[in-house]
PDB file of all heavy atoms in Angstrom:
ATOM      1  N   ASP A   1     -68.894 107.534 -81.247  1.00  0.00           N
ATOM      2  CA  ASP A   1     -69.134 108.781 -81.914  1.00  0.00           C
ATOM      3  C   ASP A   1     -68.223 109.092 -83.128  1.00  0.00           C
ATOM      4  O   ASP A   1     -68.401 110.026 -83.842  1.00  0.00           O
ATOM      5  CB  ASP A   1     -69.058 109.981 -80.965  1.00  0.00           C
ATOM      6  CG  ASP A   1     -67.724 110.076 -80.246  1.00  0.00           C
ATOM      7  OD1 ASP A   1     -66.790 109.214 -80.438  1.00  0.00           O
ATOM      8  OD2 ASP A   1     -67.557 111.030 -79.433  1.00  0.00           O
ATOM      9  N   GLN A   2     -67.253 108.229 -83.335  1.00  0.00           N
ATOM     10  CA  GLN A   2     -66.330 108.312 -84.496  1.00  0.00           C
ATOM     11  C   GLN A   2     -66.660 107.359 -85.600  1.00  0.00           C
ATOM     12  O   GLN A   2     -65.888 107.176 -86.555  1.00  0.00           O
ATOM     13  CB  GLN A   2     -64.889 108.147 -84.023  1.00  0.00           C
ATOM     14  CG  GLN A   2     -64.473 109.230 -83.044  1.00  0.00           C
ATOM     15  CD  GLN A   2     -63.058 109.035 -82.553  1.00  0.00           C
ATOM     16  OE1 GLN A   2     -62.396 107.978 -82.877  1.00  0.00           O
ATOM     17  NE2 GLN A   2     -62.583 109.929 -81.701  1.00  0.00           N
ATOM     18  N   GLY A   3     -67.847 106.670 -85.531  1.00  0.00           N
ATOM     19  CA  GLY A   3     -68.263 105.823 -86.559  1.00  0.00           C
ATOM     20  C   GLY A   3     -67.719 104.450 -86.517  1.00  0.00           C
ATOM     21  O   GLY A   3     -67.835 103.709 -87.531  1.00  0.00           O
ATOM     22  N   ARG A   4     -67.081 104.054 -85.415  1.00  0.00           N
ATOM     23  CA  ARG A   4     -66.520 102.698 -85.299  1.00  0.00           C
ATOM     24  C   ARG A   4     -67.683 101.798 -84.786  1.00  0.00           C
ATOM     25  O   ARG A   4     -68.343 102.154 -83.809  1.00  0.00           O
ATOM     26  CB  ARG A   4     -65.340 102.655 -84.337  1.00  0.00           C
ATOM     27  CG  ARG A   4     -64.145 103.336 -84.915  1.00  0.00           C
ATOM     28  CD  ARG A   4     -62.957 103.176 -83.965  1.00  0.00           C
ATOM     29  NE  ARG A   4     -63.206 103.865 -82.763  1.00  0.00           N
ATOM     30  CZ  ARG A   4     -62.401 104.889 -82.240  1.00  0.00           C
ATOM     31  NH1 ARG A   4     -61.308 105.216 -82.920  1.00  0.00           N
ATOM     32  NH2 ARG A   4     -62.657 105.444 -81.126  1.00  0.00           N
ATOM     33  N   VAL A   5     -67.826 100.619 -85.426  1.00  0.00           N
ATOM     34  CA  VAL A   5     -68.842  99.700 -85.038  1.00  0.00           C
ATOM     35  C   VAL A   5     -68.218  98.430 -84.539  1.00  0.00           C
ATOM     36  O   VAL A   5     -67.262  97.871 -85.122  1.00  0.00           O
ATOM     37  CB  VAL A   5     -69.780  99.416 -86.300  1.00  0.00           C
ATOM     38  CG1 VAL A   5     -70.815  98.386 -85.947  1.00  0.00           C
ATOM     39  CG2 VAL A   5     -70.421 100.650 -86.833  1.00  0.00           C
ATOM     40  N   HIS A   6     -68.739  98.000 -83.428  1.00  0.00           N
ATOM     41  CA  HIS A   6     -68.330  96.671 -82.820  1.00  0.00           C
ATOM     42  C   HIS A   6     -69.476  95.765 -82.797  1.00  0.00           C
ATOM     43  O   HIS A   6     -70.572  96.061 -82.247  1.00  0.00           O
ATOM     44  CB  HIS A   6     -67.814  96.948 -81.332  1.00  0.00           C
ATOM     45  CG  HIS A   6     -67.288  95.750 -80.672  1.00  0.00           C
ATOM     46  ND1 HIS A   6     -66.090  95.197 -80.946  1.00  0.00           N
ATOM     47  CD2 HIS A   6     -67.861  94.935 -79.763  1.00  0.00           C
ATOM     48  CE1 HIS A   6     -65.933  94.157 -80.165  1.00  0.00           C
ATOM     49  NE2 HIS A   6     -66.986  94.000 -79.490  1.00  0.00           N
ATOM     50  N   VAL A   7     -69.341  94.606 -83.444  1.00  0.00           N
ATOM     51  CA  VAL A   7     -70.396  93.571 -83.545  1.00  0.00           C
ATOM     52  C   VAL A   7     -69.939  92.359 -82.764  1.00  0.00           C
ATOM     53  O   VAL A   7     -68.845  91.899 -82.876  1.00  0.00           O
ATOM     54  CB  VAL A   7     -70.681  93.199 -85.001  1.00  0.00           C
ATOM     55  CG1 VAL A   7     -71.814  92.179 -85.077  1.00  0.00           C
ATOM     56  CG2 VAL A   7     -70.928  94.448 -85.803  1.00  0.00           C
ATOM     57  N   GLN A   8     -70.899  91.834 -81.975  1.00  0.00           N
ATOM     58  CA  GLN A   8     -70.649  90.578 -81.226  1.00  0.00           C
ATOM     59  C   GLN A   8     -71.540  89.512 -81.794  1.00  0.00           C
ATOM     60  O   GLN A   8     -72.734  89.707 -81.899  1.00  0.00           O
ATOM     61  CB  GLN A   8     -70.879  90.757 -79.754  1.00  0.00           C
ATOM     62  CG  GLN A   8     -69.902  91.655 -79.017  1.00  0.00           C
ATOM     63  CD  GLN A   8     -70.198  91.796 -77.558  1.00  0.00           C
ATOM     64  OE1 GLN A   8     -71.328  91.799 -77.089  1.00  0.00           O
ATOM     65  NE2 GLN A   8     -69.144  91.867 -76.780  1.00  0.00           N
ATOM     66  N   ILE A   9     -70.914  88.360 -82.106  1.00  0.00           N
ATOM     67  CA  ILE A   9     -71.675  87.214 -82.599  1.00  0.00           C
ATOM     68  C   ILE A   9     -71.268  85.941 -81.824  1.00  0.00           C
ATOM     69  O   ILE A   9     -70.130  85.887 -81.370  1.00  0.00           O
ATOM     70  CB  ILE A   9     -71.569  86.979 -84.129  1.00  0.00           C
ATOM     71  CG1 ILE A   9     -70.081  86.889 -84.529  1.00  0.00           C
ATOM     72  CG2 ILE A   9     -72.214  88.084 -84.882  1.00  0.00           C
ATOM     73  CD1 ILE A   9     -69.852  86.601 -86.026  1.00  0.00           C
ATOM     74  N   THR A  10     -72.186  85.027 -81.749  1.00  0.00           N
ATOM     75  CA  THR A  10     -71.895  83.722 -81.083  1.00  0.00           C
ATOM     76  C   THR A  10     -72.105  82.575 -82.041  1.00  0.00           C
ATOM     77  O   THR A  10     -73.163  82.519 -82.637  1.00  0.00           O
ATOM     78  CB  THR A  10     -72.801  83.554 -79.851  1.00  0.00           C
ATOM     79  OG1 THR A  10     -72.461  84.606 -78.891  1.00  0.00           O
ATOM     80  CG2 THR A  10     -72.618  82.226 -79.184  1.00  0.00           C
ATOM     81  N   PRO A  11     -71.146  81.683 -82.206  1.00  0.00           N
ATOM     82  CA  PRO A  11     -71.340  80.592 -83.070  1.00  0.00           C
ATOM     83  C   PRO A  11     -72.402  79.626 -82.577  1.00  0.00           C
ATOM     84  O   PRO A  11     -72.611  79.511 -81.374  1.00  0.00           O
ATOM     85  CB  PRO A  11     -69.971  79.935 -83.170  1.00  0.00           C
ATOM     86  CG  PRO A  11     -69.329  80.328 -81.857  1.00  0.00           C
ATOM     87  CD  PRO A  11     -69.842  81.652 -81.529  1.00  0.00           C
ATOM     88  N   THR A  12     -73.047  78.849 -83.504  1.00  0.00           N
ATOM     89  CA  THR A  12     -74.027  77.885 -83.070  1.00  0.00           C
ATOM     90  C   THR A  12     -73.318  76.706 -82.445  1.00  0.00           C
ATOM     91  O   THR A  12     -73.950  76.063 -81.612  1.00  0.00           O
ATOM     92  CB  THR A  12     -74.795  77.345 -84.296  1.00  0.00           C
ATOM     93  OG1 THR A  12     -73.935  76.876 -85.282  1.00  0.00           O
ATOM     94  CG2 THR A  12     -75.689  78.478 -84.921  1.00  0.00           C
ATOM     95  N   TYR A  13     -72.070  76.509 -82.719  1.00  0.00           N
ATOM     96  CA  TYR A  13     -71.237  75.523 -81.982  1.00  0.00           C
ATOM     97  C   TYR A  13     -69.771  75.926 -82.242  1.00  0.00           C
ATOM     98  O   TYR A  13     -69.442  76.561 -83.221  1.00  0.00           O
ATOM     99  CB  TYR A  13     -71.568  74.091 -82.473  1.00  0.00           C
ATOM    100  CG  TYR A  13     -71.159  73.730 -83.834  1.00  0.00           C
ATOM    101  CD1 TYR A  13     -69.909  73.179 -84.110  1.00  0.00           C
ATOM    102  CD2 TYR A  13     -71.972  74.043 -84.927  1.00  0.00           C
ATOM    103  CE1 TYR A  13     -69.526  72.835 -85.436  1.00  0.00           C
ATOM    104  CE2 TYR A  13     -71.573  73.803 -86.216  1.00  0.00           C
ATOM    105  CZ  TYR A  13     -70.380  73.185 -86.496  1.00  0.00           C
ATOM    106  OH  TYR A  13     -70.015  72.927 -87.760  1.00  0.00           O
ATOM    107  N   SER A  14     -68.957  75.430 -81.319  1.00  0.00           N
ATOM    108  CA  SER A  14     -67.509  75.787 -81.449  1.00  0.00           C
ATOM    109  C   SER A  14     -66.953  75.199 -82.739  1.00  0.00           C
ATOM    110  O   SER A  14     -67.238  74.038 -83.054  1.00  0.00           O
ATOM    111  CB  SER A  14     -66.716  75.191 -80.257  1.00  0.00           C
ATOM    112  OG  SER A  14     -67.055  75.870 -79.116  1.00  0.00           O
ATOM    113  N   GLY A  15     -66.217  75.935 -83.468  1.00  0.00           N
ATOM    114  CA  GLY A  15     -65.630  75.489 -84.682  1.00  0.00           C
ATOM    115  C   GLY A  15     -66.557  75.642 -85.906  1.00  0.00           C
ATOM    116  O   GLY A  15     -66.239  75.121 -86.958  1.00  0.00           O
ATOM    117  N   CYS A  16     -67.652  76.287 -85.750  1.00  0.00           N
ATOM    118  CA  CYS A  16     -68.604  76.510 -86.871  1.00  0.00           C
ATOM    119  C   CYS A  16     -67.824  77.190 -88.034  1.00  0.00           C
ATOM    120  O   CYS A  16     -67.370  78.309 -87.843  1.00  0.00           O
ATOM    121  CB  CYS A  16     -69.807  77.290 -86.452  1.00  0.00           C
ATOM    122  SG  CYS A  16     -70.917  77.680 -87.845  1.00  0.00           S
ATOM    123  N   PRO A  17     -67.769  76.535 -89.230  1.00  0.00           N
ATOM    124  CA  PRO A  17     -67.006  77.149 -90.293  1.00  0.00           C
ATOM    125  C   PRO A  17     -67.658  78.354 -90.934  1.00  0.00           C
ATOM    126  O   PRO A  17     -67.004  79.164 -91.593  1.00  0.00           O
ATOM    127  CB  PRO A  17     -66.943  76.010 -91.320  1.00  0.00           C
ATOM    128  CG  PRO A  17     -68.130  75.146 -91.045  1.00  0.00           C
ATOM    129  CD  PRO A  17     -68.321  75.247 -89.542  1.00  0.00           C
ATOM    130  N   ALA A  18     -68.908  78.590 -90.668  1.00  0.00           N
ATOM    131  CA  ALA A  18     -69.582  79.768 -91.230  1.00  0.00           C
ATOM    132  C   ALA A  18     -69.234  81.065 -90.519  1.00  0.00           C
ATOM    133  O   ALA A  18     -69.506  82.156 -91.070  1.00  0.00           O
ATOM    134  CB  ALA A  18     -71.102  79.582 -91.135  1.00  0.00           C
ATOM    135  N   MET A  19     -68.628  81.045 -89.331  1.00  0.00           N
ATOM    136  CA  MET A  19     -68.379  82.234 -88.584  1.00  0.00           C
ATOM    137  C   MET A  19     -67.440  83.181 -89.310  1.00  0.00           C
ATOM    138  O   MET A  19     -67.606  84.386 -89.252  1.00  0.00           O
ATOM    139  CB  MET A  19     -67.813  81.905 -87.196  1.00  0.00           C
ATOM    140  CG  MET A  19     -68.857  81.215 -86.248  1.00  0.00           C
ATOM    141  SD  MET A  19     -70.456  82.064 -86.229  1.00  0.00           S
ATOM    142  CE  MET A  19     -70.000  83.429 -85.190  1.00  0.00           C
ATOM    143  N   GLU A  20     -66.415  82.672 -89.984  1.00  0.00           N
ATOM    144  CA  GLU A  20     -65.527  83.557 -90.696  1.00  0.00           C
ATOM    145  C   GLU A  20     -66.239  84.250 -91.872  1.00  0.00           C
ATOM    146  O   GLU A  20     -66.031  85.425 -92.117  1.00  0.00           O
ATOM    147  CB  GLU A  20     -64.253  82.783 -91.228  1.00  0.00           C
ATOM    148  CG  GLU A  20     -63.316  82.420 -90.115  1.00  0.00           C
ATOM    149  CD  GLU A  20     -62.750  83.631 -89.348  1.00  0.00           C
ATOM    150  OE1 GLU A  20     -62.494  84.689 -89.917  1.00  0.00           O
ATOM    151  OE2 GLU A  20     -62.598  83.499 -88.118  1.00  0.00           O
ATOM    152  N   THR A  21     -67.108  83.523 -92.541  1.00  0.00           N
ATOM    153  CA  THR A  21     -67.945  84.116 -93.607  1.00  0.00           C
ATOM    154  C   THR A  21     -68.862  85.179 -93.050  1.00  0.00           C
ATOM    155  O   THR A  21     -69.026  86.238 -93.614  1.00  0.00           O
ATOM    156  CB  THR A  21     -68.658  83.031 -94.365  1.00  0.00           C
ATOM    157  OG1 THR A  21     -67.733  82.055 -94.915  1.00  0.00           O
ATOM    158  CG2 THR A  21     -69.525  83.620 -95.484  1.00  0.00           C
ATOM    159  N   ILE A  22     -69.479  84.864 -91.934  1.00  0.00           N
ATOM    160  CA  ILE A  22     -70.437  85.841 -91.332  1.00  0.00           C
ATOM    161  C   ILE A  22     -69.657  87.093 -90.913  1.00  0.00           C
ATOM    162  O   ILE A  22     -70.108  88.246 -91.112  1.00  0.00           O
ATOM    163  CB  ILE A  22     -71.110  85.216 -90.125  1.00  0.00           C
ATOM    164  CG1 ILE A  22     -72.115  84.121 -90.649  1.00  0.00           C
ATOM    165  CG2 ILE A  22     -71.867  86.308 -89.287  1.00  0.00           C
ATOM    166  CD1 ILE A  22     -72.721  83.245 -89.478  1.00  0.00           C
ATOM    167  N   SER A  23     -68.467  86.910 -90.321  1.00  0.00           N
ATOM    168  CA  SER A  23     -67.643  88.087 -89.963  1.00  0.00           C
ATOM    169  C   SER A  23     -67.311  88.913 -91.140  1.00  0.00           C
ATOM    170  O   SER A  23     -67.485  90.134 -91.120  1.00  0.00           O
ATOM    171  CB  SER A  23     -66.362  87.564 -89.246  1.00  0.00           C
ATOM    172  OG  SER A  23     -65.519  88.662 -88.917  1.00  0.00           O
ATOM    173  N   THR A  24     -66.835  88.323 -92.213  1.00  0.00           N
ATOM    174  CA  THR A  24     -66.512  89.004 -93.458  1.00  0.00           C
ATOM    175  C   THR A  24     -67.701  89.716 -94.046  1.00  0.00           C
ATOM    176  O   THR A  24     -67.599  90.868 -94.436  1.00  0.00           O
ATOM    177  CB  THR A  24     -65.892  88.032 -94.515  1.00  0.00           C
ATOM    178  OG1 THR A  24     -64.685  87.462 -93.920  1.00  0.00           O
ATOM    179  CG2 THR A  24     -65.514  88.775 -95.752  1.00  0.00           C
ATOM    180  N   ASP A  25     -68.838  88.998 -94.069  1.00  0.00           N
ATOM    181  CA  ASP A  25     -70.071  89.601 -94.606  1.00  0.00           C
ATOM    182  C   ASP A  25     -70.515  90.803 -93.734  1.00  0.00           C
ATOM    183  O   ASP A  25     -71.042  91.784 -94.317  1.00  0.00           O
ATOM    184  CB  ASP A  25     -71.164  88.537 -94.656  1.00  0.00           C
ATOM    185  CG  ASP A  25     -70.945  87.516 -95.740  1.00  0.00           C
ATOM    186  OD1 ASP A  25     -70.024  87.625 -96.575  1.00  0.00           O
ATOM    187  OD2 ASP A  25     -71.703  86.488 -95.684  1.00  0.00           O
ATOM    188  N   LEU A  26     -70.352  90.760 -92.417  1.00  0.00           N
ATOM    189  CA  LEU A  26     -70.729  91.877 -91.571  1.00  0.00           C
ATOM    190  C   LEU A  26     -69.882  93.069 -91.857  1.00  0.00           C
ATOM    191  O   LEU A  26     -70.329  94.195 -91.995  1.00  0.00           O
ATOM    192  CB  LEU A  26     -70.605  91.459 -90.099  1.00  0.00           C
ATOM    193  CG  LEU A  26     -71.676  90.637 -89.512  1.00  0.00           C
ATOM    194  CD1 LEU A  26     -71.307  90.021 -88.188  1.00  0.00           C
ATOM    195  CD2 LEU A  26     -72.969  91.495 -89.345  1.00  0.00           C
ATOM    196  N   VAL A  27     -68.535  92.841 -91.921  1.00  0.00           N
ATOM    197  CA  VAL A  27     -67.646  93.939 -92.235  1.00  0.00           C
ATOM    198  C   VAL A  27     -67.992  94.554 -93.618  1.00  0.00           C
ATOM    199  O   VAL A  27     -68.072  95.778 -93.675  1.00  0.00           O
ATOM    200  CB  VAL A  27     -66.143  93.457 -92.164  1.00  0.00           C
ATOM    201  CG1 VAL A  27     -65.231  94.528 -92.705  1.00  0.00           C
ATOM    202  CG2 VAL A  27     -65.769  93.053 -90.752  1.00  0.00           C
ATOM    203  N   ASP A  28     -68.191  93.725 -94.600  1.00  0.00           N
ATOM    204  CA  ASP A  28     -68.532  94.208 -95.968  1.00  0.00           C
ATOM    205  C   ASP A  28     -69.808  95.006 -95.948  1.00  0.00           C
ATOM    206  O   ASP A  28     -69.872  96.098 -96.564  1.00  0.00           O
ATOM    207  CB  ASP A  28     -68.625  93.079 -96.940  1.00  0.00           C
ATOM    208  CG  ASP A  28     -67.295  92.426 -97.250  1.00  0.00           C
ATOM    209  OD1 ASP A  28     -66.247  92.941 -96.894  1.00  0.00           O
ATOM    210  OD2 ASP A  28     -67.309  91.308 -97.872  1.00  0.00           O
ATOM    211  N   ALA A  29     -70.832  94.499 -95.322  1.00  0.00           N
ATOM    212  CA  ALA A  29     -72.165  95.156 -95.263  1.00  0.00           C
ATOM    213  C   ALA A  29     -72.091  96.518 -94.598  1.00  0.00           C
ATOM    214  O   ALA A  29     -72.605  97.525 -95.095  1.00  0.00           O
ATOM    215  CB  ALA A  29     -73.187  94.298 -94.654  1.00  0.00           C
ATOM    216  N   LEU A  30     -71.378  96.540 -93.427  1.00  0.00           N
ATOM    217  CA  LEU A  30     -71.328  97.790 -92.668  1.00  0.00           C
ATOM    218  C   LEU A  30     -70.432  98.822 -93.287  1.00  0.00           C
ATOM    219  O   LEU A  30     -70.724 100.008 -93.316  1.00  0.00           O
ATOM    220  CB  LEU A  30     -70.967  97.455 -91.237  1.00  0.00           C
ATOM    221  CG  LEU A  30     -72.094  96.797 -90.410  1.00  0.00           C
ATOM    222  CD1 LEU A  30     -71.485  96.127 -89.186  1.00  0.00           C
ATOM    223  CD2 LEU A  30     -73.156  97.794 -90.088  1.00  0.00           C
ATOM    224  N   THR A  31     -69.268  98.375 -93.856  1.00  0.00           N
ATOM    225  CA  THR A  31     -68.388  99.422 -94.549  1.00  0.00           C
ATOM    226  C   THR A  31     -69.073  99.912 -95.795  1.00  0.00           C
ATOM    227  O   THR A  31     -68.917 101.055 -96.151  1.00  0.00           O
ATOM    228  CB  THR A  31     -66.988  98.801 -94.797  1.00  0.00           C
ATOM    229  OG1 THR A  31     -67.102  97.615 -95.508  1.00  0.00           O
ATOM    230  CG2 THR A  31     -66.214  98.596 -93.540  1.00  0.00           C
ATOM    231  N   SER A  32     -69.758  99.002 -96.503  1.00  0.00           N
ATOM    232  CA  SER A  32     -70.529  99.484 -97.726  1.00  0.00           C
ATOM    233  C   SER A  32     -71.570 100.524 -97.352  1.00  0.00           C
ATOM    234  O   SER A  32     -71.958 101.388 -98.206  1.00  0.00           O
ATOM    235  CB  SER A  32     -71.181  98.275 -98.407  1.00  0.00           C
ATOM    236  OG  SER A  32     -70.193  97.428 -98.986  1.00  0.00           O
ATOM    237  N   ALA A  33     -72.116 100.417 -96.154  1.00  0.00           N
ATOM    238  CA  ALA A  33     -73.072 101.434 -95.688  1.00  0.00           C
ATOM    239  C   ALA A  33     -72.445 102.710 -95.175  1.00  0.00           C
ATOM    240  O   ALA A  33     -73.187 103.624 -94.745  1.00  0.00           O
ATOM    241  CB  ALA A  33     -73.941 100.781 -94.600  1.00  0.00           C
ATOM    242  N   GLY A  34     -71.143 102.754 -95.181  1.00  0.00           N
ATOM    243  CA  GLY A  34     -70.475 104.009 -94.812  1.00  0.00           C
ATOM    244  C   GLY A  34     -69.733 103.968 -93.461  1.00  0.00           C
ATOM    245  O   GLY A  34     -69.132 105.009 -93.081  1.00  0.00           O
ATOM    246  N   TYR A  35     -69.804 102.883 -92.734  1.00  0.00           N
ATOM    247  CA  TYR A  35     -69.155 102.832 -91.449  1.00  0.00           C
ATOM    248  C   TYR A  35     -67.628 102.703 -91.716  1.00  0.00           C
ATOM    249  O   TYR A  35     -67.234 101.882 -92.523  1.00  0.00           O
ATOM    250  CB  TYR A  35     -69.673 101.739 -90.610  1.00  0.00           C
ATOM    251  CG  TYR A  35     -71.105 102.047 -90.156  1.00  0.00           C
ATOM    252  CD1 TYR A  35     -72.184 101.508 -90.869  1.00  0.00           C
ATOM    253  CD2 TYR A  35     -71.388 102.893 -89.084  1.00  0.00           C
ATOM    254  CE1 TYR A  35     -73.481 101.764 -90.501  1.00  0.00           C
ATOM    255  CE2 TYR A  35     -72.684 103.104 -88.729  1.00  0.00           C
ATOM    256  CZ  TYR A  35     -73.748 102.605 -89.428  1.00  0.00           C
ATOM    257  OH  TYR A  35     -75.016 102.929 -89.107  1.00  0.00           O
ATOM    258  N   GLN A  36     -66.828 103.516 -91.031  1.00  0.00           N
ATOM    259  CA  GLN A  36     -65.404 103.569 -91.336  1.00  0.00           C
ATOM    260  C   GLN A  36     -64.626 102.403 -90.774  1.00  0.00           C
ATOM    261  O   GLN A  36     -63.688 101.918 -91.404  1.00  0.00           O
ATOM    262  CB  GLN A  36     -64.836 104.881 -90.707  1.00  0.00           C
ATOM    263  CG  GLN A  36     -65.445 106.130 -91.342  1.00  0.00           C
ATOM    264  CD  GLN A  36     -65.230 106.207 -92.814  1.00  0.00           C
ATOM    265  OE1 GLN A  36     -64.120 106.057 -93.300  1.00  0.00           O
ATOM    266  NE2 GLN A  36     -66.253 106.491 -93.591  1.00  0.00           N
ATOM    267  N   HIS A  37     -64.923 101.976 -89.591  1.00  0.00           N
ATOM    268  CA  HIS A  37     -64.174 100.892 -88.929  1.00  0.00           C
ATOM    269  C   HIS A  37     -65.126  99.903 -88.333  1.00  0.00           C
ATOM    270  O   HIS A  37     -65.973 100.298 -87.510  1.00  0.00           O
ATOM    271  CB  HIS A  37     -63.168 101.403 -87.925  1.00  0.00           C
ATOM    272  CG  HIS A  37     -62.486 100.309 -87.172  1.00  0.00           C
ATOM    273  ND1 HIS A  37     -61.462  99.568 -87.796  1.00  0.00           N
ATOM    274  CD2 HIS A  37     -62.635  99.857 -85.936  1.00  0.00           C
ATOM    275  CE1 HIS A  37     -61.006  98.684 -86.898  1.00  0.00           C
ATOM    276  NE2 HIS A  37     -61.705  98.812 -85.753  1.00  0.00           N
ATOM    277  N   VAL A  38     -65.094  98.642 -88.716  1.00  0.00           N
ATOM    278  CA  VAL A  38     -65.933  97.613 -88.167  1.00  0.00           C
ATOM    279  C   VAL A  38     -65.101  96.459 -87.614  1.00  0.00           C
ATOM    280  O   VAL A  38     -64.192  95.999 -88.308  1.00  0.00           O
ATOM    281  CB  VAL A  38     -66.929  97.068 -89.237  1.00  0.00           C
ATOM    282  CG1 VAL A  38     -67.807  95.976 -88.705  1.00  0.00           C
ATOM    283  CG2 VAL A  38     -67.713  98.196 -89.918  1.00  0.00           C
ATOM    284  N   ASP A  39     -65.376  96.066 -86.389  1.00  0.00           N
ATOM    285  CA  ASP A  39     -64.665  94.867 -85.913  1.00  0.00           C
ATOM    286  C   ASP A  39     -65.763  93.936 -85.392  1.00  0.00           C
ATOM    287  O   ASP A  39     -66.793  94.379 -84.904  1.00  0.00           O
ATOM    288  CB  ASP A  39     -63.622  95.203 -84.819  1.00  0.00           C
ATOM    289  CG  ASP A  39     -64.205  95.672 -83.497  1.00  0.00           C
ATOM    290  OD1 ASP A  39     -64.782  96.790 -83.474  1.00  0.00           O
ATOM    291  OD2 ASP A  39     -64.060  94.941 -82.521  1.00  0.00           O
ATOM    292  N   VAL A  40     -65.469  92.676 -85.549  1.00  0.00           N
ATOM    293  CA  VAL A  40     -66.423  91.625 -85.169  1.00  0.00           C
ATOM    294  C   VAL A  40     -65.741  90.733 -84.071  1.00  0.00           C
ATOM    295  O   VAL A  40     -64.610  90.278 -84.268  1.00  0.00           O
ATOM    296  CB  VAL A  40     -66.806  90.731 -86.357  1.00  0.00           C
ATOM    297  CG1 VAL A  40     -67.757  89.648 -85.935  1.00  0.00           C
ATOM    298  CG2 VAL A  40     -67.480  91.629 -87.465  1.00  0.00           C
ATOM    299  N   GLU A  41     -66.446  90.517 -83.011  1.00  0.00           N
ATOM    300  CA  GLU A  41     -65.950  89.718 -81.878  1.00  0.00           C
ATOM    301  C   GLU A  41     -66.759  88.454 -81.763  1.00  0.00           C
ATOM    302  O   GLU A  41     -68.001  88.481 -81.792  1.00  0.00           O
ATOM    303  CB  GLU A  41     -65.974  90.526 -80.580  1.00  0.00           C
ATOM    304  CG  GLU A  41     -65.638  89.756 -79.339  1.00  0.00           C
ATOM    305  CD  GLU A  41     -65.909  90.524 -78.060  1.00  0.00           C
ATOM    306  OE1 GLU A  41     -66.491  91.684 -78.104  1.00  0.00           O
ATOM    307  OE2 GLU A  41     -65.503  90.016 -77.032  1.00  0.00           O
ATOM    308  N   PHE A  42     -66.081  87.326 -81.652  1.00  0.00           N
ATOM    309  CA  PHE A  42     -66.787  86.041 -81.361  1.00  0.00           C
ATOM    310  C   PHE A  42     -66.910  85.879 -79.867  1.00  0.00           C
ATOM    311  O   PHE A  42     -65.921  85.889 -79.121  1.00  0.00           O
ATOM    312  CB  PHE A  42     -66.012  84.860 -81.952  1.00  0.00           C
ATOM    313  CG  PHE A  42     -65.787  84.898 -83.454  1.00  0.00           C
ATOM    314  CD1 PHE A  42     -64.629  84.506 -84.028  1.00  0.00           C
ATOM    315  CD2 PHE A  42     -66.821  85.313 -84.258  1.00  0.00           C
ATOM    316  CE1 PHE A  42     -64.425  84.545 -85.387  1.00  0.00           C
ATOM    317  CE2 PHE A  42     -66.648  85.341 -85.658  1.00  0.00           C
ATOM    318  CZ  PHE A  42     -65.457  84.984 -86.203  1.00  0.00           C
TER     319      PHE A  42
END
């Protein structure tokens, strides 16, 4: 209720180099949409 968003994602395989980019892109997209705090969990 305070606008904090928690996102869970699973890599296609352990060590997938795209996961950091996906995490950053998620934070950027959600904060750009007005969400105050976004955390991404693998």
